[in-house]
Amino acid sequence: MRVGEVAGPEEASTPTAAAREPQITVLNDAFGKDPTMIKDWGYAVLVEAAGTRILFDTGNSGDVLAGNAAARGVDLSTIDFAVMSHRHGDHMGGLAHLLGVKPDVRIFAPVDGFGVYGFELPATFARVDESLPRYERYFDGRREGTWRMGSAWPGADFHLIDRTTQIAPGMTLIALVSDRPGTLELRELSLAIDTPEGIVLVVGCSHPGIDTIVEAASAINSKIHCIAGGLHLLAAPDPEIDSVITTLRDSYQVEYIAPGHCTGEPTLHALKKSFGSRYLYAGLGSALLLGADPGTAA
């Protein structure tokens, strides 16, 4: 477990062929057309961009991830790294399967105090009382180094992100904290890919607010080409949905939208109506081609 340590450009995956347009393949979601795949709550997508293969989240279940990856011909042992957007089980439930397939995979995850990805604090953070006998003092009164908390996946190669960080050329993890009721202080990572067409933004659940995430992404490149993933508007009332859509469409001039997971059925309907031909169906099994002329191949 390393906090804030990321791959330098020399460590990034070397493309074996000319860079192709970004593609996102949906491996876990609760709606879709493909009868060979298992619908399940949660989210997992394979992101392919600039010669790099990234598994963004792992869905709700290892068995479902394995079956759906096989159905789409995806070999998870060939990914370059993984991203855990946040600590909720429907996004990290398949992580044990991924580690079984590729035990040494590098995993970027948010710093989450005392959380499942591991954590550490300087040994000096706690107050001391030197009047206590040594056997009643933590570590016999020693205060050198750090106190380390274990991970739910011992031995996994977690790289913990505590601030927005470029992890490879053209790829940035946006680190934000939710201030919303129910997920207060939840840390979440979103993936921003800077392409010739603008930012391709992959989001897990958008707990900090999709408008807040897009604002951060626009600091990298003001042109937002496409947003893919969960917008966390499952139970939102129509006025809130309309406000979010107006902000994305008019204020940030998002070109394409490919919503999934926790976006919510009324929001899917409203986005389809608002974005028209710039709405991309992104159900389970879909392959989103996100170059100059985006489209969806079921």
C-alpha atoms as a PDB file:
ATOM      1  CA  MET A   1       0.000   0.000   0.000  1.00  0.00           C
ATOM      2  CA  ARG A   2       1.478   3.340  -1.058  1.00  0.00           C
ATOM      3  CA  VAL A   3      -0.126   6.741  -0.547  1.00  0.00           C
ATOM      4  CA  GLY A   4       0.198   9.178  -3.427  1.00  0.00           C
ATOM      5  CA  GLU A   5       2.824   7.132  -5.307  1.00  0.00           C
ATOM      6  CA  VAL A   6       2.050   6.720  -8.987  1.00  0.00           C
ATOM      7  CA  ALA A   7       3.665   5.410 -12.132  1.00  0.00           C
ATOM      8  CA  GLY A   8       5.988   7.772 -13.946  1.00  0.00           C
ATOM      9  CA  PRO A   9       5.746   8.067 -17.723  1.00  0.00           C
ATOM     10  CA  GLU A  10       8.568   5.566 -18.111  1.00  0.00           C
ATOM     11  CA  GLU A  11       6.500   2.974 -16.221  1.00  0.00           C
ATOM     12  CA  ALA A  12       3.341   3.388 -18.253  1.00  0.00           C
ATOM     13  CA  SER A  13       2.314   0.613 -20.577  1.00  0.00           C
ATOM     14  CA  THR A  14       4.086   0.762 -23.929  1.00  0.00           C
ATOM     15  CA  PRO A  15       1.575   0.508 -26.808  1.00  0.00           C
ATOM     16  CA  THR A  16       2.171  -2.519 -29.003  1.00  0.00           C
ATOM     17  CA  ALA A  17       0.311  -0.892 -31.877  1.00  0.00           C
ATOM     18  CA  ALA A  18      -0.690   2.565 -32.956  1.00  0.00           C
ATOM     19  CA  ALA A  19      -2.944   4.278 -30.439  1.00  0.00           C
ATOM     20  CA  ARG A  20      -6.607   3.593 -31.176  1.00  0.00           C
ATOM     21  CA  GLU A  21      -9.617   5.694 -30.315  1.00  0.00           C
ATOM     22  CA  PRO A  22     -10.756   5.204 -26.723  1.00  0.00           C
ATOM     23  CA  GLN A  23     -13.142   2.324 -26.147  1.00  0.00           C
ATOM     24  CA  ILE A  24     -15.147   1.404 -23.055  1.00  0.00           C
ATOM     25  CA  THR A  25     -16.699  -2.062 -22.656  1.00  0.00           C
ATOM     26  CA  VAL A  26     -19.385  -2.463 -19.983  1.00  0.00           C
ATOM     27  CA  LEU A  27     -18.802  -5.644 -17.956  1.00  0.00           C
ATOM     28  CA  ASN A  28     -21.236  -5.087 -15.081  1.00  0.00           C
ATOM     29  CA  ASP A  29     -24.582  -3.307 -14.998  1.00  0.00           C
ATOM     30  CA  ALA A  30     -28.227  -4.047 -14.267  1.00  0.00           C
ATOM     31  CA  PHE A  31     -29.611  -3.367 -17.751  1.00  0.00           C
ATOM     32  CA  GLY A  32     -28.575  -4.544 -21.182  1.00  0.00           C
ATOM     33  CA  LYS A  33     -29.428  -6.470 -24.350  1.00  0.00           C
ATOM     34  CA  ASP A  34     -26.836  -9.264 -24.420  1.00  0.00           C
ATOM     35  CA  PRO A  35     -28.480 -12.577 -23.354  1.00  0.00           C
ATOM     36  CA  THR A  36     -25.077 -14.204 -22.793  1.00  0.00           C
ATOM     37  CA  MET A  37     -24.241 -11.812 -19.950  1.00  0.00           C
ATOM     38  CA  ILE A  38     -25.488 -11.701 -16.354  1.00  0.00           C
ATOM     39  CA  LYS A  39     -27.196  -8.533 -15.170  1.00  0.00           C
ATOM     40  CA  ASP A  40     -26.170  -7.514 -11.669  1.00  0.00           C
ATOM     41  CA  TRP A  41     -26.233  -4.361  -9.609  1.00  0.00           C
ATOM     42  CA  GLY A  42     -22.923  -2.511  -9.667  1.00  0.00           C
ATOM     43  CA  TYR A  43     -20.462  -1.241 -12.224  1.00  0.00           C
ATOM     44  CA  ALA A  44     -17.346  -2.426 -14.020  1.00  0.00           C
ATOM     45  CA  VAL A  45     -15.927  -1.301 -17.360  1.00  0.00           C
ATOM     46  CA  LEU A  46     -12.831  -2.083 -19.391  1.00  0.00           C
ATOM     47  CA  VAL A  47     -11.271   1.163 -20.588  1.00  0.00           C
ATOM     48  CA  GLU A  48      -8.863   0.994 -23.539  1.00  0.00           C
ATOM     49  CA  ALA A  49      -7.054   4.197 -24.473  1.00  0.00           C
ATOM     50  CA  ALA A  50      -3.574   5.188 -25.683  1.00  0.00           C
ATOM     51  CA  GLY A  51      -2.467   1.551 -25.729  1.00  0.00           C
ATOM     52  CA  THR A  52      -3.463   1.058 -22.076  1.00  0.00           C
ATOM     53  CA  ARG A  53      -6.083  -1.343 -20.694  1.00  0.00           C
ATOM     54  CA  ILE A  54      -7.728  -0.336 -17.418  1.00  0.00           C
ATOM     55  CA  LEU A  55     -10.373  -2.145 -15.399  1.00  0.00           C
ATOM     56  CA  PHE A  56     -12.441   0.606 -13.782  1.00  0.00           C
ATOM     57  CA  ASP A  57     -14.285  -0.959 -10.838  1.00  0.00           C
ATOM     58  CA  THR A  58     -15.003  -4.690 -10.550  1.00  0.00           C
ATOM     59  CA  GLY A  59     -18.768  -4.908 -10.102  1.00  0.00           C
ATOM     60  CA  ASN A  60     -20.758  -6.670  -7.425  1.00  0.00           C
ATOM     61  CA  SER A  61     -19.496 -10.257  -7.741  1.00  0.00           C
ATOM     62  CA  GLY A  62     -16.395 -12.106  -8.827  1.00  0.00           C
ATOM     63  CA  ASP A  63     -18.444 -14.829 -10.511  1.00  0.00           C
ATOM     64  CA  VAL A  64     -20.414 -12.287 -12.526  1.00  0.00           C
ATOM     65  CA  LEU A  65     -17.251 -10.402 -13.505  1.00  0.00           C
ATOM     66  CA  ALA A  66     -15.607 -13.642 -14.627  1.00  0.00           C
ATOM     67  CA  GLY A  67     -18.618 -14.792 -16.644  1.00  0.00           C
ATOM     68  CA  ASN A  68     -19.237 -11.441 -18.301  1.00  0.00           C
ATOM     69  CA  ALA A  69     -15.574 -10.937 -19.143  1.00  0.00           C
ATOM     70  CA  ALA A  70     -15.527 -14.379 -20.775  1.00  0.00           C
ATOM     71  CA  ALA A  71     -18.719 -13.599 -22.710  1.00  0.00           C
ATOM     72  CA  ARG A  72     -17.120 -10.470 -24.152  1.00  0.00           C
ATOM     73  CA  GLY A  73     -13.757 -12.134 -24.778  1.00  0.00           C
ATOM     74  CA  VAL A  74     -11.979  -9.929 -22.240  1.00  0.00           C
ATOM     75  CA  ASP A  75      -8.810 -11.381 -20.709  1.00  0.00           C
ATOM     76  CA  LEU A  76      -8.461  -9.632 -17.362  1.00  0.00           C
ATOM     77  CA  SER A  77      -4.906 -10.904 -16.958  1.00  0.00           C
ATOM     78  CA  THR A  78      -3.814  -8.481 -19.700  1.00  0.00           C
ATOM     79  CA  ILE A  79      -4.953  -5.256 -18.048  1.00  0.00           C
ATOM     80  CA  ASP A  80      -2.279  -2.711 -17.161  1.00  0.00           C
ATOM     81  CA  PHE A  81      -3.899  -1.535 -13.932  1.00  0.00           C
ATOM     82  CA  ALA A  82      -7.213  -1.238 -12.129  1.00  0.00           C
ATOM     83  CA  VAL A  83      -9.081   1.630 -10.507  1.00  0.00           C
ATOM     84  CA  MET A  84     -11.413   1.307  -7.542  1.00  0.00           C
ATOM     85  CA  SER A  85     -13.621   4.397  -7.657  1.00  0.00           C
ATOM     86  CA  HIS A  86     -14.833   4.062  -4.053  1.00  0.00           C
ATOM     87  CA  ARG A  87     -15.348   1.575  -1.252  1.00  0.00           C
ATOM     88  CA  HIS A  88     -18.928   0.425  -1.954  1.00  0.00           C
ATOM     89  CA  GLY A  89     -19.359  -3.317  -2.429  1.00  0.00           C
ATOM     90  CA  ASP A  90     -21.132  -3.082  -5.788  1.00  0.00           C
ATOM     91  CA  HIS A  91     -17.939  -1.580  -7.246  1.00  0.00           C
ATOM     92  CA  MET A  92     -15.316  -3.751  -5.566  1.00  0.00           C
ATOM     93  CA  GLY A  93     -17.118  -7.088  -5.150  1.00  0.00           C
ATOM     94  CA  GLY A  94     -15.151  -8.661  -8.002  1.00  0.00           C
ATOM     95  CA  LEU A  95     -11.724  -7.576  -6.788  1.00  0.00           C
ATOM     96  CA  ALA A  96     -10.848 -10.968  -5.290  1.00  0.00           C
ATOM     97  CA  HIS A  97     -11.473 -12.560  -8.693  1.00  0.00           C
ATOM     98  CA  LEU A  98      -9.251  -9.995 -10.406  1.00  0.00           C
ATOM     99  CA  LEU A  99      -6.469 -10.686  -7.911  1.00  0.00           C
ATOM    100  CA  GLY A 100      -6.869 -14.399  -8.578  1.00  0.00           C
ATOM    101  CA  VAL A 101      -6.387 -13.779 -12.295  1.00  0.00           C
ATOM    102  CA  LYS A 102      -3.614 -11.197 -11.925  1.00  0.00           C
ATOM    103  CA  PRO A 103      -2.204 -11.148  -8.362  1.00  0.00           C
ATOM    104  CA  ASP A 104       0.354  -8.417  -9.063  1.00  0.00           C
ATOM    105  CA  VAL A 105      -2.031  -5.957 -10.705  1.00  0.00           C
ATOM    106  CA  ARG A 106      -1.518  -2.335  -9.713  1.00  0.00           C
ATOM    107  CA  ILE A 107      -4.710  -0.939  -8.147  1.00  0.00           C
ATOM    108  CA  PHE A 108      -5.383   2.754  -7.720  1.00  0.00           C
ATOM    109  CA  ALA A 109      -7.866   3.483  -4.935  1.00  0.00           C
ATOM    110  CA  PRO A 110      -8.877   6.504  -2.871  1.00  0.00           C
ATOM    111  CA  VAL A 111      -7.269   7.205   0.467  1.00  0.00           C
ATOM    112  CA  ASP A 112      -9.970   6.187   2.911  1.00  0.00           C
ATOM    113  CA  GLY A 113      -9.193   6.609   6.598  1.00  0.00           C
ATOM    114  CA  PHE A 114      -9.033   3.220   8.378  1.00  0.00           C
ATOM    115  CA  GLY A 115     -10.627   1.764   5.245  1.00  0.00           C
ATOM    116  CA  VAL A 116     -10.643  -1.476   3.281  1.00  0.00           C
ATOM    117  CA  TYR A 117      -7.750  -0.523   0.993  1.00  0.00           C
ATOM    118  CA  GLY A 118      -5.350  -0.082   3.902  1.00  0.00           C
ATOM    119  CA  PHE A 119      -4.190   3.084   5.616  1.00  0.00           C
ATOM    120  CA  GLU A 120      -1.331   4.467   7.629  1.00  0.00           C
ATOM    121  CA  LEU A 121      -0.797   7.338  10.042  1.00  0.00           C
ATOM    122  CA  PRO A 122       2.364   8.824  11.526  1.00  0.00           C
ATOM    123  CA  ALA A 123       2.966   7.287  14.923  1.00  0.00           C
ATOM    124  CA  THR A 124       3.056  10.786  16.401  1.00  0.00           C
ATOM    125  CA  PHE A 125      -0.623  11.514  15.612  1.00  0.00           C
ATOM    126  CA  ALA A 126      -1.927  10.246  18.987  1.00  0.00           C
ATOM    127  CA  ARG A 127      -1.558  12.060  22.286  1.00  0.00           C
ATOM    128  CA  VAL A 128       0.750  10.440  24.810  1.00  0.00           C
ATOM    129  CA  ASP A 129       0.790  10.066  28.573  1.00  0.00           C
ATOM    130  CA  GLU A 130       4.263   9.298  29.840  1.00  0.00           C
ATOM    131  CA  SER A 131       2.993   8.697  33.386  1.00  0.00           C
ATOM    132  CA  LEU A 132       1.570   5.321  32.330  1.00  0.00           C
ATOM    133  CA  PRO A 133       3.743   2.217  32.789  1.00  0.00           C
ATOM    134  CA  ARG A 134       5.294   0.979  29.551  1.00  0.00           C
ATOM    135  CA  TYR A 135       3.009  -2.048  29.343  1.00  0.00           C
ATOM    136  CA  GLU A 136      -0.046   0.258  29.174  1.00  0.00           C
ATOM    137  CA  ARG A 137       1.396   2.425  26.410  1.00  0.00           C
ATOM    138  CA  TYR A 138       0.977   1.747  22.709  1.00  0.00           C
ATOM    139  CA  PHE A 139       4.001  -0.112  21.344  1.00  0.00           C
ATOM    140  CA  ASP A 140       5.741   0.386  24.690  1.00  0.00           C
ATOM    141  CA  GLY A 141       5.717   4.162  24.182  1.00  0.00           C
ATOM    142  CA  ARG A 142       7.631   4.168  20.878  1.00  0.00           C
ATOM    143  CA  ARG A 143       6.518   6.814  18.383  1.00  0.00           C
ATOM    144  CA  GLU A 144       8.744   6.150  15.366  1.00  0.00           C
ATOM    145  CA  GLY A 145       7.469   5.470  11.869  1.00  0.00           C
ATOM    146  CA  THR A 146       3.814   4.844  11.088  1.00  0.00           C
ATOM    147  CA  TRP A 147       0.886   2.837  12.357  1.00  0.00           C
ATOM    148  CA  ARG A 148      -0.377   0.737   9.481  1.00  0.00           C
ATOM    149  CA  MET A 149      -3.917  -0.574   9.100  1.00  0.00           C
ATOM    150  CA  GLY A 150      -4.534  -3.773   7.164  1.00  0.00           C
ATOM    151  CA  SER A 151      -6.349  -4.146   3.874  1.00  0.00           C
ATOM    152  CA  ALA A 152      -9.290  -6.405   3.094  1.00  0.00           C
ATOM    153  CA  TRP A 153      -7.029  -7.850   0.366  1.00  0.00           C
ATOM    154  CA  PRO A 154      -3.648  -8.530   2.015  1.00  0.00           C
ATOM    155  CA  GLY A 155      -0.760  -8.370  -0.408  1.00  0.00           C
ATOM    156  CA  ALA A 156      -2.640  -6.434  -3.097  1.00  0.00           C
ATOM    157  CA  ASP A 157      -0.617  -3.674  -4.751  1.00  0.00           C
ATOM    158  CA  PHE A 158      -2.738  -0.687  -3.739  1.00  0.00           C
ATOM    159  CA  HIS A 159      -1.615   2.813  -4.688  1.00  0.00           C
ATOM    160  CA  LEU A 160      -3.725   5.200  -2.638  1.00  0.00           C
ATOM    161  CA  ILE A 161      -4.674   8.544  -4.168  1.00  0.00           C
ATOM    162  CA  ASP A 162      -5.369  11.502  -1.896  1.00  0.00           C
ATOM    163  CA  ARG A 163      -5.501  14.278  -4.513  1.00  0.00           C
ATOM    164  CA  THR A 164      -6.115  14.653  -8.231  1.00  0.00           C
ATOM    165  CA  THR A 165      -3.149  12.909  -9.845  1.00  0.00           C
ATOM    166  CA  GLN A 166      -1.906  12.116 -13.336  1.00  0.00           C
ATOM    167  CA  ILE A 167      -1.214   8.377 -13.376  1.00  0.00           C
ATOM    168  CA  ALA A 168      -0.100   7.985 -17.006  1.00  0.00           C
ATOM    169  CA  PRO A 169       0.303  10.320 -19.980  1.00  0.00           C
ATOM    170  CA  GLY A 170      -3.112  11.837 -20.704  1.00  0.00           C
ATOM    171  CA  MET A 171      -4.790   9.964 -17.814  1.00  0.00           C
ATOM    172  CA  THR A 172      -5.747  11.660 -14.572  1.00  0.00           C
ATOM    173  CA  LEU A 173      -7.574  10.393 -11.520  1.00  0.00           C
ATOM    174  CA  ILE A 174      -9.838  13.090 -10.094  1.00  0.00           C
ATOM    175  CA  ALA A 175     -10.069  12.718  -6.314  1.00  0.00           C
ATOM    176  CA  LEU A 176     -13.070  14.310  -4.625  1.00  0.00           C
ATOM    177  CA  VAL A 177     -15.022  13.914  -1.402  1.00  0.00           C
ATOM    178  CA  SER A 178     -18.808  13.686  -1.177  1.00  0.00           C
ATOM    179  CA  ASP A 179     -20.658  16.298   0.853  1.00  0.00           C
ATOM    180  CA  ARG A 180     -24.057  14.711   0.159  1.00  0.00           C
ATOM    181  CA  PRO A 181     -26.356  13.205   2.818  1.00  0.00           C
ATOM    182  CA  GLY A 182     -25.844   9.457   3.124  1.00  0.00           C
ATOM    183  CA  THR A 183     -22.326   9.514   1.655  1.00  0.00           C
ATOM    184  CA  LEU A 184     -20.812  12.365   3.646  1.00  0.00           C
ATOM    185  CA  GLU A 185     -16.995  12.272   3.500  1.00  0.00           C
ATOM    186  CA  LEU A 186     -16.973   9.350   1.050  1.00  0.00           C
ATOM    187  CA  ARG A 187     -13.918   9.633  -1.190  1.00  0.00           C
ATOM    188  CA  GLU A 188     -14.293   8.805  -4.874  1.00  0.00           C
ATOM    189  CA  LEU A 189     -11.985   8.640  -7.895  1.00  0.00           C
ATOM    190  CA  SER A 190     -13.055   9.399 -11.468  1.00  0.00           C
ATOM    191  CA  LEU A 191     -10.908   8.791 -14.554  1.00  0.00           C
ATOM    192  CA  ALA A 192     -10.318  11.667 -16.985  1.00  0.00           C
ATOM    193  CA  ILE A 193      -8.722  10.739 -20.313  1.00  0.00           C
ATOM    194  CA  ASP A 194      -7.447  13.699 -22.323  1.00  0.00           C
ATOM    195  CA  THR A 195      -8.042  12.877 -25.998  1.00  0.00           C
ATOM    196  CA  PRO A 196      -7.779  14.980 -29.184  1.00  0.00           C
ATOM    197  CA  GLU A 197     -11.584  15.367 -29.009  1.00  0.00           C
ATOM    198  CA  GLY A 198     -11.562  16.456 -25.352  1.00  0.00           C
ATOM    199  CA  ILE A 199     -11.980  14.743 -21.995  1.00  0.00           C
ATOM    200  CA  VAL A 200     -13.500  11.270 -21.842  1.00  0.00           C
ATOM    201  CA  LEU A 201     -14.695  11.075 -18.238  1.00  0.00           C
ATOM    202  CA  VAL A 202     -15.404   7.688 -16.608  1.00  0.00           C
ATOM    203  CA  VAL A 203     -17.324   7.880 -13.332  1.00  0.00           C
ATOM    204  CA  GLY A 204     -18.330   5.171 -10.881  1.00  0.00           C
ATOM    205  CA  CYS A 205     -21.207   6.652  -8.877  1.00  0.00           C
ATOM    206  CA  SER A 206     -20.607  10.430  -8.889  1.00  0.00           C
ATOM    207  CA  HIS A 207     -21.212  10.659  -5.140  1.00  0.00           C
ATOM    208  CA  PRO A 208     -19.447  14.051  -4.958  1.00  0.00           C
ATOM    209  CA  GLY A 209     -21.880  15.287  -7.650  1.00  0.00           C
ATOM    210  CA  ILE A 210     -21.413  14.899 -11.400  1.00  0.00           C
ATOM    211  CA  ASP A 211     -21.326  18.694 -11.779  1.00  0.00           C
ATOM    212  CA  THR A 212     -18.455  18.901  -9.277  1.00  0.00           C
ATOM    213  CA  ILE A 213     -16.562  16.109 -11.053  1.00  0.00           C
ATOM    214  CA  VAL A 214     -17.022  17.765 -14.457  1.00  0.00           C
ATOM    215  CA  GLU A 215     -15.830  21.075 -13.033  1.00  0.00           C
ATOM    216  CA  ALA A 216     -12.620  19.373 -11.908  1.00  0.00           C
ATOM    217  CA  ALA A 217     -12.228  17.625 -15.276  1.00  0.00           C
ATOM    218  CA  SER A 218     -12.659  20.905 -17.149  1.00  0.00           C
ATOM    219  CA  ALA A 219      -9.567  22.225 -15.361  1.00  0.00           C
ATOM    220  CA  ILE A 220      -7.600  19.600 -17.304  1.00  0.00           C
ATOM    221  CA  ASN A 221      -9.306  20.365 -20.628  1.00  0.00           C
ATOM    222  CA  SER A 222     -12.329  22.639 -20.896  1.00  0.00           C
ATOM    223  CA  LYS A 223     -13.779  20.492 -23.678  1.00  0.00           C
ATOM    224  CA  ILE A 224     -15.735  17.541 -22.242  1.00  0.00           C
ATOM    225  CA  HIS A 225     -16.158  15.029 -25.054  1.00  0.00           C
ATOM    226  CA  CYS A 226     -18.060  12.290 -23.227  1.00  0.00           C
ATOM    227  CA  ILE A 227     -19.187  11.192 -19.768  1.00  0.00           C
ATOM    228  CA  ALA A 228     -19.669   7.468 -19.128  1.00  0.00           C
ATOM    229  CA  GLY A 229     -20.888   5.818 -15.929  1.00  0.00           C
ATOM    230  CA  GLY A 230     -23.204   6.304 -12.978  1.00  0.00           C
ATOM    231  CA  LEU A 231     -24.635   9.745 -12.199  1.00  0.00           C
ATOM    232  CA  HIS A 232     -26.245   8.805  -8.840  1.00  0.00           C
ATOM    233  CA  LEU A 233     -29.712  10.171  -9.585  1.00  0.00           C
ATOM    234  CA  LEU A 234     -31.695   6.982  -8.868  1.00  0.00           C
ATOM    235  CA  ALA A 235     -34.191   8.634  -6.527  1.00  0.00           C
ATOM    236  CA  ALA A 236     -33.757  12.254  -7.607  1.00  0.00           C
ATOM    237  CA  PRO A 237     -36.905  14.328  -8.274  1.00  0.00           C
ATOM    238  CA  ASP A 238     -37.494  15.696 -11.764  1.00  0.00           C
ATOM    239  CA  PRO A 239     -36.397  19.278 -10.956  1.00  0.00           C
ATOM    240  CA  GLU A 240     -33.014  18.018  -9.720  1.00  0.00           C
ATOM    241  CA  ILE A 241     -32.610  15.804 -12.789  1.00  0.00           C
ATOM    242  CA  ASP A 242     -33.456  18.714 -15.089  1.00  0.00           C
ATOM    243  CA  SER A 243     -31.011  20.985 -13.275  1.00  0.00           C
ATOM    244  CA  VAL A 244     -28.143  18.486 -13.592  1.00  0.00           C
ATOM    245  CA  ILE A 245     -28.858  17.900 -17.285  1.00  0.00           C
ATOM    246  CA  THR A 246     -29.000  21.632 -17.994  1.00  0.00           C
ATOM    247  CA  THR A 247     -25.667  22.114 -16.239  1.00  0.00           C
ATOM    248  CA  LEU A 248     -23.984  19.330 -18.193  1.00  0.00           C
ATOM    249  CA  ARG A 249     -25.477  20.287 -21.556  1.00  0.00           C
ATOM    250  CA  ASP A 250     -25.394  24.085 -21.386  1.00  0.00           C
ATOM    251  CA  SER A 251     -22.852  25.164 -18.774  1.00  0.00           C
ATOM    252  CA  TYR A 252     -20.170  22.560 -19.548  1.00  0.00           C
ATOM    253  CA  GLN A 253     -21.303  21.811 -23.108  1.00  0.00           C
ATOM    254  CA  VAL A 254     -20.798  18.072 -22.716  1.00  0.00           C
ATOM    255  CA  GLU A 255     -20.824  16.607 -26.227  1.00  0.00           C
ATOM    256  CA  TYR A 256     -21.864  12.996 -25.570  1.00  0.00           C
ATOM    257  CA  ILE A 257     -23.252  11.127 -22.605  1.00  0.00           C
ATOM    258  CA  ALA A 258     -23.205   7.361 -21.961  1.00  0.00           C
ATOM    259  CA  PRO A 259     -24.975   6.889 -18.611  1.00  0.00           C
ATOM    260  CA  GLY A 260     -25.214   3.640 -16.677  1.00  0.00           C
ATOM    261  CA  HIS A 261     -25.481   2.028 -13.248  1.00  0.00           C
ATOM    262  CA  CYS A 262     -26.979   4.412 -10.662  1.00  0.00           C
ATOM    263  CA  THR A 263     -28.115   7.076 -13.116  1.00  0.00           C
ATOM    264  CA  GLY A 264     -31.771   6.060 -12.659  1.00  0.00           C
ATOM    265  CA  GLU A 265     -34.492   5.232 -15.173  1.00  0.00           C
ATOM    266  CA  PRO A 266     -36.164   8.683 -15.209  1.00  0.00           C
ATOM    267  CA  THR A 267     -32.731  10.264 -15.716  1.00  0.00           C
ATOM    268  CA  LEU A 268     -31.915   7.891 -18.584  1.00  0.00           C
ATOM    269  CA  HIS A 269     -35.172   8.922 -20.236  1.00  0.00           C
ATOM    270  CA  ALA A 270     -34.521  12.630 -19.677  1.00  0.00           C
ATOM    271  CA  LEU A 271     -30.929  12.398 -20.936  1.00  0.00           C
ATOM    272  CA  LYS A 272     -32.043  10.565 -24.073  1.00  0.00           C
ATOM    273  CA  LYS A 273     -34.608  13.282 -24.751  1.00  0.00           C
ATOM    274  CA  SER A 274     -32.191  16.136 -24.025  1.00  0.00           C
ATOM    275  CA  PHE A 275     -29.058  14.859 -25.791  1.00  0.00           C
ATOM    276  CA  GLY A 276     -30.793  13.176 -28.727  1.00  0.00           C
ATOM    277  CA  SER A 277     -28.258  11.614 -31.082  1.00  0.00           C
ATOM    278  CA  ARG A 278     -25.508  12.518 -28.611  1.00  0.00           C
ATOM    279  CA  TYR A 279     -26.950  10.044 -26.077  1.00  0.00           C
ATOM    280  CA  LEU A 280     -25.023   6.749 -26.242  1.00  0.00           C
ATOM    281  CA  TYR A 281     -26.691   3.550 -25.085  1.00  0.00           C
ATOM    282  CA  ALA A 282     -24.308   1.994 -22.551  1.00  0.00           C
ATOM    283  CA  GLY A 283     -26.002  -1.150 -21.251  1.00  0.00           C
ATOM    284  CA  LEU A 284     -24.280  -4.353 -20.191  1.00  0.00           C
ATOM    285  CA  GLY A 285     -22.040  -5.691 -22.949  1.00  0.00           C
ATOM    286  CA  SER A 286     -21.911  -2.446 -24.895  1.00  0.00           C
ATOM    287  CA  ALA A 287     -18.671  -1.283 -26.467  1.00  0.00           C
ATOM    288  CA  LEU A 288     -18.517   2.522 -26.589  1.00  0.00           C
ATOM    289  CA  LEU A 289     -16.284   3.895 -29.317  1.00  0.00           C
ATOM    290  CA  LEU A 290     -15.322   7.368 -28.143  1.00  0.00           C
ATOM    291  CA  GLY A 291     -13.224   8.902 -30.893  1.00  0.00           C
ATOM    292  CA  ALA A 292     -14.214  11.742 -33.212  1.00  0.00           C
ATOM    293  CA  ASP A 293     -17.461  10.001 -34.177  1.00  0.00           C
ATOM    294  CA  PRO A 294     -18.697   8.187 -31.035  1.00  0.00           C
ATOM    295  CA  GLY A 295     -21.050   5.254 -31.202  1.00  0.00           C
ATOM    296  CA  THR A 296     -22.147   2.091 -29.442  1.00  0.00           C
ATOM    297  CA  ALA A 297     -21.661  -1.471 -30.623  1.00  0.00           C
ATOM    298  CA  ALA A 298     -23.865  -3.916 -28.688  1.00  0.00           C
END
